[in-house]
Every structure is written in structure tokens, then in C-alpha cells.
Amino acid sequence: MDRDPNEEPRPTTTPDRRAAYREGLPGYHDPTAGFDGSTPARSALTLRAALAAFGLVAGVVGAVLIFRIPAVSAFGWVMVAIAVVALLDLAWVLYRKWRGEPG
């Protein structure tokens, strides 16, 4: 089957997914998006990154200080766990920002 020479060529590239992230994904985790005239929610990735960084610093400093007191060293492991969770969260948020999501 030959193609019609007057037919418009089909695009051969996939749409730019990063452009969609740059523009934002309105209502993406917001069940009330557009409800009763409300504006869609936007992600607060920068705030989340700052809070994760604070949690990481607080967890590491707290663990170092608590491990100096042998009687409460079990609580030091709780602070280590908090620091690890904060590190993972910070890494994920920075990955999302690197990918181009607004916030």
C-alpha cells in the first residue's frame, strides 16, 4: 500500500514528557481539583526538600549526641532511622525536581 503524497506526515517522535512536568500536572494528587471553582493544587517540592534536609541534619546530630550517653543509646538508633528516612526522602524529592516537576 502506497501512502498518499498529499497526506500530512505522521510525527515520528514521542511527545516531550519533561514539558508536561515543567507546565505542572494540575490536580495530580488532589481529589478536590476543580471542585466548586477551586484552583488545582501545586506540589511543594522545595518545602519538602527543606524539611527533609532539616530532618537529616537533626537525625545525624541527635544520633551523635545521644550515642555519647550509654544509658539511652537505643534512642540513638531511632535517630539514625529518622536520618535514613530523611535522606531517602530528600533523594526522591531532588530526583523529582531534577526531572523537571514544578514546586
C-alpha atoms as a PDB file:
ATOM      1  CA  MET A   1       0.000   0.000   0.000  1.00  0.00           C
ATOM      2  CA  ASP A   2       1.411   3.328  -1.028  1.00  0.00           C
ATOM      3  CA  ARG A   3       0.835   6.434   1.032  1.00  0.00           C
ATOM      4  CA  ASP A   4      -0.928   9.414  -0.444  1.00  0.00           C
ATOM      5  CA  PRO A   5       1.670  12.120  -1.203  1.00  0.00           C
ATOM      6  CA  ASN A   6      -0.768  14.813  -0.075  1.00  0.00           C
ATOM      7  CA  GLU A   7      -1.238  13.226   3.326  1.00  0.00           C
ATOM      8  CA  GLU A   8       0.411  15.021   6.245  1.00  0.00           C
ATOM      9  CA  PRO A   9       3.410  13.198   7.657  1.00  0.00           C
ATOM     10  CA  ARG A  10       2.899  11.490  10.983  1.00  0.00           C
ATOM     11  CA  PRO A  11       5.095  12.595  13.850  1.00  0.00           C
ATOM     12  CA  THR A  12       7.890  10.137  14.467  1.00  0.00           C
ATOM     13  CA  THR A  13       8.928  11.406  17.873  1.00  0.00           C
ATOM     14  CA  THR A  14       7.155  10.854  21.151  1.00  0.00           C
ATOM     15  CA  PRO A  15       5.833  13.910  22.994  1.00  0.00           C
ATOM     16  CA  ASP A  16       8.237  15.598  25.369  1.00  0.00           C
ATOM     17  CA  ARG A  17       7.318  14.300  28.826  1.00  0.00           C
ATOM     18  CA  ARG A  18       9.530  16.856  30.544  1.00  0.00           C
ATOM     19  CA  ALA A  19       7.473  19.655  29.009  1.00  0.00           C
ATOM     20  CA  ALA A  20       4.422  18.267  30.782  1.00  0.00           C
ATOM     21  CA  TYR A  21       6.286  18.349  34.100  1.00  0.00           C
ATOM     22  CA  ARG A  22       7.527  21.892  33.512  1.00  0.00           C
ATOM     23  CA  GLU A  23       3.961  23.037  32.968  1.00  0.00           C
ATOM     24  CA  GLY A  24       2.838  21.140  36.047  1.00  0.00           C
ATOM     25  CA  LEU A  25       0.325  18.411  36.456  1.00  0.00           C
ATOM     26  CA  PRO A  26      -2.671  20.219  37.900  1.00  0.00           C
ATOM     27  CA  GLY A  27      -4.803  18.115  40.173  1.00  0.00           C
ATOM     28  CA  TYR A  28      -2.343  15.227  40.086  1.00  0.00           C
ATOM     29  CA  HIS A  29      -2.712  14.145  43.718  1.00  0.00           C
ATOM     30  CA  ASP A  30      -5.614  16.400  44.529  1.00  0.00           C
ATOM     31  CA  PRO A  31      -9.019  14.716  44.751  1.00  0.00           C
ATOM     32  CA  THR A  32     -10.705  18.122  45.095  1.00  0.00           C
ATOM     33  CA  ALA A  33      -9.086  19.627  41.968  1.00  0.00           C
ATOM     34  CA  GLY A  34     -11.546  21.945  40.324  1.00  0.00           C
ATOM     35  CA  PHE A  35     -14.251  21.261  42.914  1.00  0.00           C
ATOM     36  CA  ASP A  36     -16.535  24.246  43.414  1.00  0.00           C
ATOM     37  CA  GLY A  37     -14.253  26.556  41.437  1.00  0.00           C
ATOM     38  CA  SER A  38     -11.109  25.823  43.443  1.00  0.00           C
ATOM     39  CA  THR A  39      -7.762  26.010  41.718  1.00  0.00           C
ATOM     40  CA  PRO A  40      -5.731  22.818  41.325  1.00  0.00           C
ATOM     41  CA  ALA A  41      -3.113  22.167  43.988  1.00  0.00           C
ATOM     42  CA  ARG A  42       0.579  22.508  43.201  1.00  0.00           C
ATOM     43  CA  SER A  43       3.369  20.416  44.644  1.00  0.00           C
ATOM     44  CA  ALA A  44       5.549  21.976  47.337  1.00  0.00           C
ATOM     45  CA  LEU A  45       8.732  20.087  46.490  1.00  0.00           C
ATOM     46  CA  THR A  46      11.080  22.835  47.648  1.00  0.00           C
ATOM     47  CA  LEU A  47       9.433  22.942  51.071  1.00  0.00           C
ATOM     48  CA  ARG A  48       9.536  19.158  51.278  1.00  0.00           C
ATOM     49  CA  ALA A  49      13.243  19.175  50.369  1.00  0.00           C
ATOM     50  CA  ALA A  50      13.989  21.767  53.061  1.00  0.00           C
ATOM     51  CA  LEU A  51      12.100  19.770  55.687  1.00  0.00           C
ATOM     52  CA  ALA A  52      13.865  16.552  54.653  1.00  0.00           C
ATOM     53  CA  ALA A  53      17.236  18.296  54.905  1.00  0.00           C
ATOM     54  CA  PHE A  54      16.317  19.556  58.370  1.00  0.00           C
ATOM     55  CA  GLY A  55      15.281  16.033  59.384  1.00  0.00           C
ATOM     56  CA  LEU A  56      18.550  14.648  58.078  1.00  0.00           C
ATOM     57  CA  VAL A  57      20.665  17.165  59.994  1.00  0.00           C
ATOM     58  CA  ALA A  58      18.581  16.784  63.164  1.00  0.00           C
ATOM     59  CA  GLY A  59      18.755  12.993  62.939  1.00  0.00           C
ATOM     60  CA  VAL A  60      22.523  12.888  62.465  1.00  0.00           C
ATOM     61  CA  VAL A  61      23.297  15.492  65.140  1.00  0.00           C
ATOM     62  CA  GLY A  62      20.825  13.894  67.542  1.00  0.00           C
ATOM     63  CA  ALA A  63      22.271  10.423  66.990  1.00  0.00           C
ATOM     64  CA  VAL A  64      25.842  11.633  67.576  1.00  0.00           C
ATOM     65  CA  LEU A  65      24.862  13.415  70.777  1.00  0.00           C
ATOM     66  CA  ILE A  66      22.720  10.564  72.104  1.00  0.00           C
ATOM     67  CA  PHE A  67      25.313   7.852  71.391  1.00  0.00           C
ATOM     68  CA  ARG A  68      27.639   9.682  73.815  1.00  0.00           C
ATOM     69  CA  ILE A  69      25.262   8.722  76.646  1.00  0.00           C
ATOM     70  CA  PRO A  70      25.413   4.907  77.015  1.00  0.00           C
ATOM     71  CA  ALA A  71      22.215   4.654  79.067  1.00  0.00           C
ATOM     72  CA  VAL A  72      19.997   5.867  76.208  1.00  0.00           C
ATOM     73  CA  SER A  73      21.829   4.505  73.167  1.00  0.00           C
ATOM     74  CA  ALA A  74      18.673   2.725  71.966  1.00  0.00           C
ATOM     75  CA  PHE A  75      17.159   6.136  71.274  1.00  0.00           C
ATOM     76  CA  GLY A  76      20.242   6.893  69.196  1.00  0.00           C
ATOM     77  CA  TRP A  77      19.215   4.141  66.774  1.00  0.00           C
ATOM     78  CA  VAL A  78      15.808   5.794  66.471  1.00  0.00           C
ATOM     79  CA  MET A  79      17.567   8.998  65.462  1.00  0.00           C
ATOM     80  CA  VAL A  80      19.647   7.056  62.927  1.00  0.00           C
ATOM     81  CA  ALA A  81      16.432   5.642  61.443  1.00  0.00           C
ATOM     82  CA  ILE A  82      14.961   9.158  61.224  1.00  0.00           C
ATOM     83  CA  ALA A  83      18.102  10.354  59.448  1.00  0.00           C
ATOM     84  CA  VAL A  84      17.956   7.472  56.941  1.00  0.00           C
ATOM     85  CA  VAL A  85      14.287   8.110  56.152  1.00  0.00           C
ATOM     86  CA  ALA A  86      15.002  11.816  55.729  1.00  0.00           C
ATOM     87  CA  LEU A  87      17.929  11.031  53.410  1.00  0.00           C
ATOM     88  CA  LEU A  88      15.760   8.777  51.238  1.00  0.00           C
ATOM     89  CA  ASP A  89      13.012  11.390  51.099  1.00  0.00           C
ATOM     90  CA  LEU A  90      15.488  14.128  50.201  1.00  0.00           C
ATOM     91  CA  ALA A  91      16.958  11.980  47.420  1.00  0.00           C
ATOM     92  CA  TRP A  92      13.498  11.265  45.987  1.00  0.00           C
ATOM     93  CA  VAL A  93      12.425  14.914  46.099  1.00  0.00           C
ATOM     94  CA  LEU A  94      15.639  16.084  44.444  1.00  0.00           C
ATOM     95  CA  TYR A  95      15.160  13.435  41.747  1.00  0.00           C
ATOM     96  CA  ARG A  96      11.656  14.734  41.084  1.00  0.00           C
ATOM     97  CA  LYS A  97      12.945  18.314  40.875  1.00  0.00           C
ATOM     98  CA  TRP A  98      15.753  17.226  38.547  1.00  0.00           C
ATOM     99  CA  ARG A  99      13.138  15.524  36.362  1.00  0.00           C
ATOM    100  CA  GLY A 100      11.556  18.925  35.938  1.00  0.00           C
ATOM    101  CA  GLU A 101       8.487  18.892  38.181  1.00  0.00           C
ATOM    102  CA  PRO A 102       7.472  22.337  39.404  1.00  0.00           C
ATOM    103  CA  GLY A 103       7.415  23.177  43.064  1.00  0.00           C
END
